[in-house]
């Protein structure tokens, strides 16, 4: 057995024993949560009594903006490695990145034209 494998085995064994032990100790030694009515009530932005029901519907615009943010934010995952290796990729890499950014721009123009970014 190599030294690295031995060290990895010891670390796994120690963590396997240590983590459950720490969780049990924190449960036994930590404060006991009593059922307090004030603790179980909802508190939102300084308002002690909630307004409306929890079943109220949100506009789909919130979800649409969140999904659009994720989609357009993923472009950074592709642009960062390109920016690091731009000299090695040469003109072909530059052409590919301009193609990628152009596609993203067309997508943004389409989203703007259908009114997905307008709040009413």
PDB file of N, CA and C in Angstrom:
ATOM      1  N   UNK A   1       0.853  -1.171   0.000  1.00  0.00           N
ATOM      2  CA  UNK A   1       0.000   0.000   0.000  1.00  0.00           C
ATOM      3  C   UNK A   1       0.901   1.238   0.000  1.00  0.00           C
ATOM      4  N   UNK A   2       0.607   2.165  -0.879  1.00  0.00           N
ATOM      5  CA  UNK A   2       1.433   3.362  -0.954  1.00  0.00           C
ATOM      6  C   UNK A   2       1.071   4.325   0.180  1.00  0.00           C
ATOM      7  N   UNK A   3       1.947   5.278   0.399  1.00  0.00           N
ATOM      8  CA  UNK A   3       1.726   6.235   1.485  1.00  0.00           C
ATOM      9  C   UNK A   3       0.480   7.094   1.238  1.00  0.00           C
ATOM     10  N   UNK A   4       0.256   7.467  -0.020  1.00  0.00           N
ATOM     11  CA  UNK A   4      -0.907   8.298  -0.331  1.00  0.00           C
ATOM     12  C   UNK A   4      -2.210   7.545  -0.075  1.00  0.00           C
ATOM     13  N   UNK A   5      -2.244   6.269  -0.449  1.00  0.00           N
ATOM     14  CA  UNK A   5      -3.439   5.469  -0.226  1.00  0.00           C
ATOM     15  C   UNK A   5      -3.672   5.245   1.267  1.00  0.00           C
ATOM     16  N   UNK A   6      -2.609   5.039   1.997  1.00  0.00           N
ATOM     17  CA  UNK A   6      -2.724   4.865   3.438  1.00  0.00           C
ATOM     18  C   UNK A   6      -3.249   6.144   4.093  1.00  0.00           C
ATOM     19  N   UNK A   7      -2.701   7.281   3.694  1.00  0.00           N
ATOM     20  CA  UNK A   7      -3.146   8.557   4.247  1.00  0.00           C
ATOM     21  C   UNK A   7      -4.611   8.830   3.895  1.00  0.00           C
ATOM     22  N   UNK A   8      -5.012   8.553   2.657  1.00  0.00           N
ATOM     23  CA  UNK A   8      -6.398   8.753   2.254  1.00  0.00           C
ATOM     24  C   UNK A   8      -7.335   7.840   3.042  1.00  0.00           C
ATOM     25  N   UNK A   9      -6.925   6.602   3.280  1.00  0.00           N
ATOM     26  CA  UNK A   9      -7.750   5.670   4.055  1.00  0.00           C
ATOM     27  C   UNK A   9      -7.903   6.151   5.491  1.00  0.00           C
ATOM     28  N   UNK A  10      -6.841   6.642   6.075  1.00  0.00           N
ATOM     29  CA  UNK A  10      -6.901   7.143   7.456  1.00  0.00           C
ATOM     30  C   UNK A  10      -7.824   8.360   7.532  1.00  0.00           C
ATOM     31  N   UNK A  11      -7.715   9.263   6.556  1.00  0.00           N
ATOM     32  CA  UNK A  11      -8.559  10.454   6.561  1.00  0.00           C
ATOM     33  C   UNK A  11     -10.030  10.072   6.427  1.00  0.00           C
ATOM     34  N   UNK A  12     -10.337   9.123   5.550  1.00  0.00           N
ATOM     35  CA  UNK A  12     -11.724   8.695   5.374  1.00  0.00           C
ATOM     36  C   UNK A  12     -12.241   8.046   6.653  1.00  0.00           C
ATOM     37  N   UNK A  13     -11.439   7.220   7.287  1.00  0.00           N
ATOM     38  CA  UNK A  13     -11.867   6.574   8.532  1.00  0.00           C
ATOM     39  C   UNK A  13     -12.085   7.592   9.642  1.00  0.00           C
ATOM     40  N   UNK A  14     -11.187   8.546   9.771  1.00  0.00           N
ATOM     41  CA  UNK A  14     -11.322   9.567  10.808  1.00  0.00           C
ATOM     42  C   UNK A  14     -12.573  10.410  10.567  1.00  0.00           C
ATOM     43  N   UNK A  15     -12.804  10.806   9.316  1.00  0.00           N
ATOM     44  CA  UNK A  15     -13.995  11.593   9.027  1.00  0.00           C
ATOM     45  C   UNK A  15     -15.277  10.788   9.232  1.00  0.00           C
ATOM     46  N   UNK A  16     -15.226   9.499   8.905  1.00  0.00           N
ATOM     47  CA  UNK A  16     -16.391   8.645   9.088  1.00  0.00           C
ATOM     48  C   UNK A  16     -16.764   8.527  10.564  1.00  0.00           C
ATOM     49  N   UNK A  17     -15.782   8.541  11.414  1.00  0.00           N
ATOM     50  CA  UNK A  17     -16.051   8.460  12.852  1.00  0.00           C
ATOM     51  C   UNK A  17     -16.267   9.833  13.474  1.00  0.00           C
ATOM     52  N   UNK A  18     -15.567  10.833  13.001  1.00  0.00           N
ATOM     53  CA  UNK A  18     -15.590  12.138  13.637  1.00  0.00           C
ATOM     54  C   UNK A  18     -16.873  12.912  13.358  1.00  0.00           C
ATOM     55  N   UNK A  19     -17.343  12.901  12.136  1.00  0.00           N
ATOM     56  CA  UNK A  19     -18.515  13.706  11.797  1.00  0.00           C
ATOM     57  C   UNK A  19     -19.789  13.276  12.538  1.00  0.00           C
ATOM     58  N   UNK A  20     -20.136  11.991  12.554  1.00  0.00           N
ATOM     59  CA  UNK A  20     -21.330  11.621  13.339  1.00  0.00           C
ATOM     60  C   UNK A  20     -21.162  11.912  14.829  1.00  0.00           C
ATOM     61  N   UNK A  21     -19.948  11.749  15.328  1.00  0.00           N
ATOM     62  CA  UNK A  21     -19.695  12.042  16.739  1.00  0.00           C
ATOM     63  C   UNK A  21     -19.914  13.525  17.018  1.00  0.00           C
ATOM     64  N   UNK A  22     -19.432  14.394  16.150  1.00  0.00           N
ATOM     65  CA  UNK A  22     -19.625  15.826  16.341  1.00  0.00           C
ATOM     66  C   UNK A  22     -21.095  16.213  16.246  1.00  0.00           C
ATOM     67  N   UNK A  23     -21.829  15.603  15.331  1.00  0.00           N
ATOM     68  CA  UNK A  23     -23.259  15.895  15.225  1.00  0.00           C
ATOM     69  C   UNK A  23     -24.010  15.450  16.479  1.00  0.00           C
ATOM     70  N   UNK A  24     -23.687  14.287  16.991  1.00  0.00           N
ATOM     71  CA  UNK A  24     -24.348  13.817  18.208  1.00  0.00           C
ATOM     72  C   UNK A  24     -23.986  14.690  19.402  1.00  0.00           C
ATOM     73  N   UNK A  25     -22.730  15.086  19.503  1.00  0.00           N
ATOM     74  CA  UNK A  25     -22.331  15.957  20.606  1.00  0.00           C
ATOM     75  C   UNK A  25     -23.021  17.309  20.540  1.00  0.00           C
ATOM     76  N   UNK A  26     -23.132  17.875  19.377  1.00  0.00           N
ATOM     77  CA  UNK A  26     -23.801  19.167  19.258  1.00  0.00           C
ATOM     78  C   UNK A  26     -25.285  19.051  19.575  1.00  0.00           C
ATOM     79  N   UNK A  27     -25.875  17.907  19.255  1.00  0.00           N
ATOM     80  CA  UNK A  27     -27.289  17.713  19.565  1.00  0.00           C
ATOM     81  C   UNK A  27     -27.494  17.568  21.073  1.00  0.00           C
ATOM     82  N   UNK A  28     -26.587  16.852  21.745  1.00  0.00           N
ATOM     83  CA  UNK A  28     -26.731  16.622  23.188  1.00  0.00           C
ATOM     84  C   UNK A  28     -26.304  17.827  24.011  1.00  0.00           C
ATOM     85  N   UNK A  29     -25.237  18.512  23.600  1.00  0.00           N
ATOM     86  CA  UNK A  29     -24.704  19.613  24.385  1.00  0.00           C
ATOM     87  C   UNK A  29     -25.307  20.960  24.031  1.00  0.00           C
ATOM     88  N   UNK A  30     -25.931  21.058  22.854  1.00  0.00           N
ATOM     89  CA  UNK A  30     -26.500  22.325  22.406  1.00  0.00           C
ATOM     90  C   UNK A  30     -27.788  22.660  23.131  1.00  0.00           C
ATOM     91  N   UNK A  31     -28.282  23.863  22.912  1.00  0.00           N
ATOM     92  CA  UNK A  31     -29.522  24.272  23.580  1.00  0.00           C
ATOM     93  C   UNK A  31     -30.716  23.491  23.049  1.00  0.00           C
ATOM     94  N   UNK A  32     -31.636  23.196  23.947  1.00  0.00           N
ATOM     95  CA  UNK A  32     -32.863  22.500  23.562  1.00  0.00           C
ATOM     96  C   UNK A  32     -33.876  23.532  23.094  1.00  0.00           C
ATOM     97  N   UNK A  33     -34.454  23.295  21.946  1.00  0.00           N
ATOM     98  CA  UNK A  33     -35.455  24.201  21.409  1.00  0.00           C
ATOM     99  C   UNK A  33     -36.813  23.846  22.008  1.00  0.00           C
ATOM    100  N   UNK A  34     -37.331  24.762  22.786  1.00  0.00           N
ATOM    101  CA  UNK A  34     -38.665  24.539  23.318  1.00  0.00           C
ATOM    102  C   UNK A  34     -39.686  25.069  22.328  1.00  0.00           C
ATOM    103  N   UNK A  35     -40.876  24.526  22.366  1.00  0.00           N
ATOM    104  CA  UNK A  35     -41.891  24.988  21.426  1.00  0.00           C
ATOM    105  C   UNK A  35     -42.447  26.307  21.954  1.00  0.00           C
ATOM    106  N   UNK A  36     -41.973  27.371  21.392  1.00  0.00           N
ATOM    107  CA  UNK A  36     -42.384  28.703  21.781  1.00  0.00           C
ATOM    108  C   UNK A  36     -43.263  29.262  20.668  1.00  0.00           C
ATOM    109  N   UNK A  37     -44.434  29.812  21.044  1.00  0.00           N
ATOM    110  CA  UNK A  37     -45.354  30.287  20.030  1.00  0.00           C
ATOM    111  C   UNK A  37     -44.760  31.458  19.242  1.00  0.00           C
ATOM    112  N   UNK A  38     -43.999  32.307  19.896  1.00  0.00           N
ATOM    113  CA  UNK A  38     -43.411  33.455  19.213  1.00  0.00           C
ATOM    114  C   UNK A  38     -42.332  33.016  18.231  1.00  0.00           C
ATOM    115  N   UNK A  39     -41.640  31.940  18.558  1.00  0.00           N
ATOM    116  CA  UNK A  39     -40.606  31.452  17.644  1.00  0.00           C
ATOM    117  C   UNK A  39     -41.194  30.812  16.403  1.00  0.00           C
ATOM    118  N   UNK A  40     -42.360  30.238  16.512  1.00  0.00           N
ATOM    119  CA  UNK A  40     -42.961  29.521  15.393  1.00  0.00           C
ATOM    120  C   UNK A  40     -43.769  30.417  14.465  1.00  0.00           C
ATOM    121  N   UNK A  41     -43.933  31.692  14.809  1.00  0.00           N
ATOM    122  CA  UNK A  41     -44.686  32.580  13.922  1.00  0.00           C
ATOM    123  C   UNK A  41     -43.769  33.092  12.820  1.00  0.00           C
ATOM    124  N   UNK A  42     -44.382  33.486  11.724  1.00  0.00           N
ATOM    125  CA  UNK A  42     -43.593  33.995  10.610  1.00  0.00           C
ATOM    126  C   UNK A  42     -43.248  35.457  10.858  1.00  0.00           C
ATOM    127  N   UNK A  43     -42.071  35.841  10.384  1.00  0.00           N
ATOM    128  CA  UNK A  43     -41.599  37.217  10.512  1.00  0.00           C
ATOM    129  C   UNK A  43     -41.011  37.613   9.175  1.00  0.00           C
ATOM    130  N   UNK A  44     -41.555  38.641   8.582  1.00  0.00           N
ATOM    131  CA  UNK A  44     -41.104  39.013   7.251  1.00  0.00           C
ATOM    132  C   UNK A  44     -40.969  40.519   7.154  1.00  0.00           C
ATOM    133  N   UNK A  45     -39.761  40.988   7.011  1.00  0.00           N
ATOM    134  CA  UNK A  45     -39.453  42.395   6.762  1.00  0.00           C
ATOM    135  C   UNK A  45     -40.077  43.329   7.790  1.00  0.00           C
ATOM    136  N   UNK A  46     -40.048  42.954   9.041  1.00  0.00           N
ATOM    137  CA  UNK A  46     -40.549  43.826  10.082  1.00  0.00           C
ATOM    138  C   UNK A  46     -42.037  43.742  10.314  1.00  0.00           C
ATOM    139  N   UNK A  47     -42.736  42.964   9.512  1.00  0.00           N
ATOM    140  CA  UNK A  47     -44.181  42.825   9.674  1.00  0.00           C
ATOM    141  C   UNK A  47     -44.427  41.563  10.483  1.00  0.00           C
ATOM    142  N   UNK A  48     -45.022  41.740  11.655  1.00  0.00           N
ATOM    143  CA  UNK A  48     -45.197  40.572  12.514  1.00  0.00           C
ATOM    144  C   UNK A  48     -46.372  39.701  12.089  1.00  0.00           C
ATOM    145  N   UNK A  49     -47.360  40.303  11.447  1.00  0.00           N
ATOM    146  CA  UNK A  49     -48.467  39.491  10.952  1.00  0.00           C
ATOM    147  C   UNK A  49     -48.390  39.458   9.433  1.00  0.00           C
ATOM    148  N   UNK A  50     -48.398  38.275   8.843  1.00  0.00           N
ATOM    149  CA  UNK A  50     -48.258  38.194   7.386  1.00  0.00           C
ATOM    150  C   UNK A  50     -49.463  38.771   6.669  1.00  0.00           C
ATOM    151  N   UNK A  51     -49.198  39.347   5.511  1.00  0.00           N
ATOM    152  CA  UNK A  51     -50.258  39.926   4.688  1.00  0.00           C
ATOM    153  C   UNK A  51     -50.553  38.946   3.561  1.00  0.00           C
ATOM    154  N   UNK A  52     -51.797  38.577   3.429  1.00  0.00           N
ATOM    155  CA  UNK A  52     -52.178  37.638   2.380  1.00  0.00           C
ATOM    156  C   UNK A  52     -51.909  36.198   2.805  1.00  0.00           C
ATOM    157  N   UNK A  53     -52.160  35.302   1.888  1.00  0.00           N
ATOM    158  CA  UNK A  53     -51.950  33.888   2.195  1.00  0.00           C
ATOM    159  C   UNK A  53     -50.648  33.414   1.573  1.00  0.00           C
ATOM    160  N   UNK A  54     -50.192  32.290   2.021  1.00  0.00           N
ATOM    161  CA  UNK A  54     -48.956  31.729   1.472  1.00  0.00           C
ATOM    162  C   UNK A  54     -49.202  31.055   0.127  1.00  0.00           C
ATOM    163  N   UNK A  55     -50.446  30.937  -0.250  1.00  0.00           N
ATOM    164  CA  UNK A  55     -50.787  30.301  -1.514  1.00  0.00           C
ATOM    165  C   UNK A  55     -50.996  31.299  -2.640  1.00  0.00           C
ATOM    166  N   UNK A  56     -50.633  32.562  -2.424  1.00  0.00           N
ATOM    167  CA  UNK A  56     -50.827  33.556  -3.470  1.00  0.00           C
ATOM    168  C   UNK A  56     -49.857  33.290  -4.613  1.00  0.00           C
ATOM    169  N   UNK A  57     -50.291  33.636  -5.818  1.00  0.00           N
ATOM    170  CA  UNK A  57     -49.498  33.344  -7.010  1.00  0.00           C
ATOM    171  C   UNK A  57     -48.564  34.502  -7.322  1.00  0.00           C
ATOM    172  N   UNK A  58     -47.372  34.130  -7.765  1.00  0.00           N
ATOM    173  CA  UNK A  58     -46.419  35.112  -8.243  1.00  0.00           C
ATOM    174  C   UNK A  58     -46.526  35.173  -9.758  1.00  0.00           C
ATOM    175  N   UNK A  59     -46.155  36.306 -10.286  1.00  0.00           N
ATOM    176  CA  UNK A  59     -46.141  36.454 -11.729  1.00  0.00           C
ATOM    177  C   UNK A  59     -45.041  35.563 -12.313  1.00  0.00           C
ATOM    178  N   UNK A  60     -45.290  35.042 -13.483  1.00  0.00           N
ATOM    179  CA  UNK A  60     -44.293  34.200 -14.146  1.00  0.00           C
ATOM    180  C   UNK A  60     -43.083  35.006 -14.569  1.00  0.00           C
ATOM    181  N   UNK A  61     -43.179  36.333 -14.541  1.00  0.00           N
ATOM    182  CA  UNK A  61     -42.047  37.183 -14.900  1.00  0.00           C
ATOM    183  C   UNK A  61     -40.865  36.943 -13.980  1.00  0.00           C
ATOM    184  N   UNK A  62     -41.111  36.693 -12.701  1.00  0.00           N
ATOM    185  CA  UNK A  62     -40.019  36.450 -11.764  1.00  0.00           C
ATOM    186  C   UNK A  62     -39.221  35.218 -12.186  1.00  0.00           C
ATOM    187  N   UNK A  63     -39.921  34.166 -12.514  1.00  0.00           N
ATOM    188  CA  UNK A  63     -39.253  32.934 -12.920  1.00  0.00           C
ATOM    189  C   UNK A  63     -38.570  33.097 -14.273  1.00  0.00           C
ATOM    190  N   UNK A  64     -39.216  33.816 -15.168  1.00  0.00           N
ATOM    191  CA  UNK A  64     -38.642  34.043 -16.488  1.00  0.00           C
ATOM    192  C   UNK A  64     -37.344  34.842 -16.396  1.00  0.00           C
ATOM    193  N   UNK A  65     -37.338  35.881 -15.570  1.00  0.00           N
ATOM    194  CA  UNK A  65     -36.121  36.673 -15.398  1.00  0.00           C
ATOM    195  C   UNK A  65     -35.028  35.829 -14.752  1.00  0.00           C
ATOM    196  N   UNK A  66     -35.380  34.986 -13.806  1.00  0.00           N
ATOM    197  CA  UNK A  66     -34.376  34.131 -13.166  1.00  0.00           C
ATOM    198  C   UNK A  66     -33.778  33.144 -14.161  1.00  0.00           C
ATOM    199  N   UNK A  67     -34.611  32.547 -14.987  1.00  0.00           N
ATOM    200  CA  UNK A  67     -34.110  31.591 -15.979  1.00  0.00           C
ATOM    201  C   UNK A  67     -33.259  32.300 -17.020  1.00  0.00           C
ATOM    202  N   UNK A  68     -33.688  33.489 -17.438  1.00  0.00           N
ATOM    203  CA  UNK A  68     -32.892  34.254 -18.406  1.00  0.00           C
ATOM    204  C   UNK A  68     -31.550  34.660 -17.812  1.00  0.00           C
ATOM    205  N   UNK A  69     -31.546  35.001 -16.535  1.00  0.00           N
ATOM    206  CA  UNK A  69     -30.282  35.337 -15.892  1.00  0.00           C
ATOM    207  C   UNK A  69     -29.338  34.142 -15.902  1.00  0.00           C
ATOM    208  N   UNK A  70     -29.858  32.977 -15.576  1.00  0.00           N
ATOM    209  CA  UNK A  70     -29.013  31.776 -15.571  1.00  0.00           C
ATOM    210  C   UNK A  70     -28.506  31.483 -16.970  1.00  0.00           C
ATOM    211  N   UNK A  71     -29.380  31.579 -17.971  1.00  0.00           N
ATOM    212  CA  UNK A  71     -28.952  31.294 -19.341  1.00  0.00           C
ATOM    213  C   UNK A  71     -27.865  32.241 -19.816  1.00  0.00           C
ATOM    214  N   UNK A  72     -28.047  33.528 -19.559  1.00  0.00           N
ATOM    215  CA  UNK A  72     -27.057  34.486 -20.027  1.00  0.00           C
ATOM    216  C   UNK A  72     -25.836  34.539 -19.113  1.00  0.00           C
ATOM    217  N   UNK A  73     -25.966  34.049 -17.904  1.00  0.00           N
ATOM    218  CA  UNK A  73     -24.819  34.009 -17.007  1.00  0.00           C
ATOM    219  C   UNK A  73     -23.904  32.833 -17.336  1.00  0.00           C
ATOM    220  N   UNK A  74     -24.449  31.798 -17.930  1.00  0.00           N
ATOM    221  CA  UNK A  74     -23.646  30.631 -18.301  1.00  0.00           C
ATOM    222  C   UNK A  74     -22.627  30.995 -19.372  1.00  0.00           C
ATOM    223  N   UNK A  75     -22.886  32.070 -20.089  1.00  0.00           N
ATOM    224  CA  UNK A  75     -21.926  32.472 -21.123  1.00  0.00           C
ATOM    225  C   UNK A  75     -20.566  32.790 -20.533  1.00  0.00           C
ATOM    226  N   UNK A  76     -20.516  33.219 -19.302  1.00  0.00           N
ATOM    227  CA  UNK A  76     -19.234  33.503 -18.652  1.00  0.00           C
ATOM    228  C   UNK A  76     -18.418  32.224 -18.514  1.00  0.00           C
ATOM    229  N   UNK A  77     -19.097  31.102 -18.309  1.00  0.00           N
ATOM    230  CA  UNK A  77     -18.388  29.826 -18.197  1.00  0.00           C
ATOM    231  C   UNK A  77     -17.648  29.515 -19.493  1.00  0.00           C
ATOM    232  N   UNK A  78     -18.202  29.919 -20.615  1.00  0.00           N
ATOM    233  CA  UNK A  78     -17.552  29.690 -21.894  1.00  0.00           C
ATOM    234  C   UNK A  78     -16.562  30.791 -22.260  1.00  0.00           C
ATOM    235  N   UNK A  79     -16.821  31.999 -21.803  1.00  0.00           N
ATOM    236  CA  UNK A  79     -15.951  33.113 -22.184  1.00  0.00           C
ATOM    237  C   UNK A  79     -14.659  33.161 -21.369  1.00  0.00           C
ATOM    238  N   UNK A  80     -14.694  32.742 -20.132  1.00  0.00           N
ATOM    239  CA  UNK A  80     -13.488  32.834 -19.299  1.00  0.00           C
ATOM    240  C   UNK A  80     -12.349  31.952 -19.825  1.00  0.00           C
ATOM    241  N   UNK A  81     -12.578  30.667 -20.116  1.00  0.00           N
ATOM    242  CA  UNK A  81     -11.468  29.880 -20.677  1.00  0.00           C
ATOM    243  C   UNK A  81     -10.994  30.408 -22.026  1.00  0.00           C
ATOM    244  N   UNK A  82     -11.904  30.955 -22.826  1.00  0.00           N
ATOM    245  CA  UNK A  82     -11.496  31.535 -24.096  1.00  0.00           C
ATOM    246  C   UNK A  82     -10.592  32.740 -23.866  1.00  0.00           C
ATOM    247  N   UNK A  83     -10.943  33.573 -22.882  1.00  0.00           N
ATOM    248  CA  UNK A  83     -10.135  34.760 -22.605  1.00  0.00           C
ATOM    249  C   UNK A  83      -8.758  34.380 -22.078  1.00  0.00           C
ATOM    250  N   UNK A  84      -8.670  33.273 -21.357  1.00  0.00           N
ATOM    251  CA  UNK A  84      -7.375  32.834 -20.840  1.00  0.00           C
ATOM    252  C   UNK A  84      -6.499  32.316 -21.977  1.00  0.00           C
ATOM    253  N   UNK A  85      -7.081  31.634 -22.949  1.00  0.00           N
ATOM    254  CA  UNK A  85      -6.326  30.998 -24.037  1.00  0.00           C
ATOM    255  C   UNK A  85      -6.491  31.703 -25.375  1.00  0.00           C
ATOM    256  N   UNK A  86      -6.770  32.992 -25.365  1.00  0.00           N
ATOM    257  CA  UNK A  86      -7.072  33.676 -26.618  1.00  0.00           C
ATOM    258  C   UNK A  86      -5.875  33.698 -27.564  1.00  0.00           C
ATOM    259  N   UNK A  87      -4.675  33.790 -27.049  1.00  0.00           N
ATOM    260  CA  UNK A  87      -3.500  33.814 -27.924  1.00  0.00           C
ATOM    261  C   UNK A  87      -3.248  32.464 -28.574  1.00  0.00           C
ATOM    262  N   UNK A  88      -3.473  31.387 -27.836  1.00  0.00           N
ATOM    263  CA  UNK A  88      -3.245  30.057 -28.392  1.00  0.00           C
ATOM    264  C   UNK A  88      -4.308  29.669 -29.419  1.00  0.00           C
ATOM    265  N   UNK A  89      -5.523  30.193 -29.259  1.00  0.00           N
ATOM    266  CA  UNK A  89      -6.614  29.830 -30.162  1.00  0.00           C
ATOM    267  C   UNK A  89      -6.534  30.550 -31.496  1.00  0.00           C
ATOM    268  N   UNK A  90      -5.939  31.716 -31.512  1.00  0.00           N
ATOM    269  CA  UNK A  90      -5.740  32.444 -32.769  1.00  0.00           C
ATOM    270  C   UNK A  90      -7.035  32.987 -33.352  1.00  0.00           C
ATOM    271  N   UNK A  91      -7.009  33.186 -34.673  1.00  0.00           N
ATOM    272  CA  UNK A  91      -8.157  33.789 -35.346  1.00  0.00           C
ATOM    273  C   UNK A  91      -9.364  32.857 -35.386  1.00  0.00           C
ATOM    274  N   UNK A  92      -9.126  31.558 -35.421  1.00  0.00           N
ATOM    275  CA  UNK A  92     -10.257  30.623 -35.423  1.00  0.00           C
ATOM    276  C   UNK A  92     -11.022  30.710 -34.107  1.00  0.00           C
ATOM    277  N   UNK A  93     -10.309  30.794 -32.990  1.00  0.00           N
ATOM    278  CA  UNK A  93     -10.955  30.958 -31.685  1.00  0.00           C
ATOM    279  C   UNK A  93     -11.679  32.280 -31.572  1.00  0.00           C
ATOM    280  N   UNK A  94     -11.106  33.327 -32.154  1.00  0.00           N
ATOM    281  CA  UNK A  94     -11.753  34.630 -32.159  1.00  0.00           C
ATOM    282  C   UNK A  94     -13.053  34.586 -32.961  1.00  0.00           C
ATOM    283  N   UNK A  95     -13.024  33.921 -34.116  1.00  0.00           N
ATOM    284  CA  UNK A  95     -14.222  33.771 -34.943  1.00  0.00           C
ATOM    285  C   UNK A  95     -15.297  32.985 -34.201  1.00  0.00           C
ATOM    286  N   UNK A  96     -14.894  31.911 -33.523  1.00  0.00           N
ATOM    287  CA  UNK A  96     -15.866  31.112 -32.756  1.00  0.00           C
ATOM    288  C   UNK A  96     -16.510  31.929 -31.646  1.00  0.00           C
ATOM    289  N   UNK A  97     -15.704  32.748 -30.946  1.00  0.00           N
ATOM    290  CA  UNK A  97     -16.264  33.542 -29.847  1.00  0.00           C
ATOM    291  C   UNK A  97     -17.186  34.630 -30.380  1.00  0.00           C
ATOM    292  N   UNK A  98     -16.824  35.243 -31.502  1.00  0.00           N
ATOM    293  CA  UNK A  98     -17.730  36.237 -32.086  1.00  0.00           C
ATOM    294  C   UNK A  98     -19.028  35.587 -32.541  1.00  0.00           C
ATOM    295  N   UNK A  99     -18.962  34.372 -33.049  1.00  0.00           N
ATOM    296  CA  UNK A  99     -20.171  33.641 -33.425  1.00  0.00           C
ATOM    297  C   UNK A  99     -21.036  33.367 -32.195  1.00  0.00           C
ATOM    298  N   UNK A 100     -20.408  32.949 -31.117  1.00  0.00           N
ATOM    299  CA  UNK A 100     -21.117  32.656 -29.870  1.00  0.00           C
ATOM    300  C   UNK A 100     -21.784  33.915 -29.319  1.00  0.00           C
ATOM    301  N   UNK A 101     -21.048  35.015 -29.284  1.00  0.00           N
ATOM    302  CA  UNK A 101     -21.594  36.266 -28.760  1.00  0.00           C
ATOM    303  C   UNK A 101     -22.704  36.780 -29.676  1.00  0.00           C
ATOM    304  N   UNK A 102     -22.565  36.588 -30.980  1.00  0.00           N
ATOM    305  CA  UNK A 102     -23.615  37.004 -31.913  1.00  0.00           C
ATOM    306  C   UNK A 102     -24.895  36.214 -31.672  1.00  0.00           C
ATOM    307  N   UNK A 103     -24.776  34.920 -31.444  1.00  0.00           N
ATOM    308  CA  UNK A 103     -25.960  34.109 -31.124  1.00  0.00           C
ATOM    309  C   UNK A 103     -26.612  34.579 -29.831  1.00  0.00           C
ATOM    310  N   UNK A 104     -25.798  34.901 -28.829  1.00  0.00           N
ATOM    311  CA  UNK A 104     -26.349  35.419 -27.576  1.00  0.00           C
ATOM    312  C   UNK A 104     -27.032  36.764 -27.794  1.00  0.00           C
ATOM    313  N   UNK A 105     -26.452  37.592 -28.629  1.00  0.00           N
ATOM    314  CA  UNK A 105     -27.050  38.891 -28.920  1.00  0.00           C
ATOM    315  C   UNK A 105     -28.388  38.721 -29.630  1.00  0.00           C
ATOM    316  N   UNK A 106     -28.464  37.798 -30.577  1.00  0.00           N
ATOM    317  CA  UNK A 106     -29.744  37.536 -31.240  1.00  0.00           C
ATOM    318  C   UNK A 106     -30.784  37.024 -30.242  1.00  0.00           C
ATOM    319  N   UNK A 107     -30.359  36.188 -29.314  1.00  0.00           N
ATOM    320  CA  UNK A 107     -31.272  35.710 -28.268  1.00  0.00           C
ATOM    321  C   UNK A 107     -31.753  36.838 -27.387  1.00  0.00           C
ATOM    322  N   UNK A 108     -30.865  37.752 -27.030  1.00  0.00           N
ATOM    323  CA  UNK A 108     -31.259  38.892 -26.217  1.00  0.00           C
ATOM    324  C   UNK A 108     -32.201  39.818 -26.969  1.00  0.00           C
ATOM    325  N   UNK A 109     -31.950  40.032 -28.240  1.00  0.00           N
ATOM    326  CA  UNK A 109     -32.847  40.858 -29.056  1.00  0.00           C
ATOM    327  C   UNK A 109     -34.220  40.204 -29.157  1.00  0.00           C
ATOM    328  N   UNK A 110     -34.256  38.896 -29.344  1.00  0.00           N
ATOM    329  CA  UNK A 110     -35.533  38.180 -29.414  1.00  0.00           C
ATOM    330  C   UNK A 110     -36.302  38.320 -28.101  1.00  0.00           C
ATOM    331  N   UNK A 111     -35.609  38.151 -26.978  1.00  0.00           N
ATOM    332  CA  UNK A 111     -36.262  38.258 -25.669  1.00  0.00           C
ATOM    333  C   UNK A 111     -36.791  39.669 -25.455  1.00  0.00           C
ATOM    334  N   UNK A 112     -36.027  40.657 -25.890  1.00  0.00           N
ATOM    335  CA  UNK A 112     -36.471  42.042 -25.756  1.00  0.00           C
ATOM    336  C   UNK A 112     -37.692  42.314 -26.638  1.00  0.00           C
ATOM    337  N   UNK A 113     -37.706  41.790 -27.852  1.00  0.00           N
ATOM    338  CA  UNK A 113     -38.813  42.054 -28.791  1.00  0.00           C
ATOM    339  C   UNK A 113     -40.116  41.394 -28.350  1.00  0.00           C
ATOM    340  N   UNK A 114     -40.039  40.229 -27.695  1.00  0.00           N
ATOM    341  CA  UNK A 114     -41.283  39.607 -27.237  1.00  0.00           C
ATOM    342  C   UNK A 114     -41.771  40.222 -25.932  1.00  0.00           C
ATOM    343  N   UNK A 115     -40.966  41.106 -25.344  1.00  0.00           N
ATOM    344  CA  UNK A 115     -41.408  41.812 -24.144  1.00  0.00           C
ATOM    345  C   UNK A 115     -41.162  41.073 -22.853  1.00  0.00           C
ATOM    346  N   UNK A 116     -40.223  40.146 -22.834  1.00  0.00           N
ATOM    347  CA  UNK A 116     -39.974  39.382 -21.624  1.00  0.00           C
ATOM    348  C   UNK A 116     -39.293  40.207 -20.546  1.00  0.00           C
ATOM    349  N   UNK A 117     -38.651  41.296 -20.930  1.00  0.00           N
ATOM    350  CA  UNK A 117     -37.942  42.121 -19.947  1.00  0.00           C
ATOM    351  C   UNK A 117     -38.739  43.338 -19.512  1.00  0.00           C
ATOM    352  N   UNK A 118     -39.973  43.492 -19.972  1.00  0.00           N
ATOM    353  CA  UNK A 118     -40.799  44.645 -19.606  1.00  0.00           C
ATOM    354  C   UNK A 118     -41.634  44.299 -18.377  1.00  0.00           C
ATOM    355  N   UNK A 119     -41.661  45.220 -17.429  1.00  0.00           N
ATOM    356  CA  UNK A 119     -42.482  45.061 -16.228  1.00  0.00           C
ATOM    357  C   UNK A 119     -43.710  45.939 -16.371  1.00  0.00           C
ATOM    358  N   UNK A 120     -44.874  45.382 -16.082  1.00  0.00           N
ATOM    359  CA  UNK A 120     -46.123  46.141 -16.214  1.00  0.00           C
ATOM    360  C   UNK A 120     -46.804  46.275 -14.880  1.00  0.00           C
TER     361      UNK A 120
END
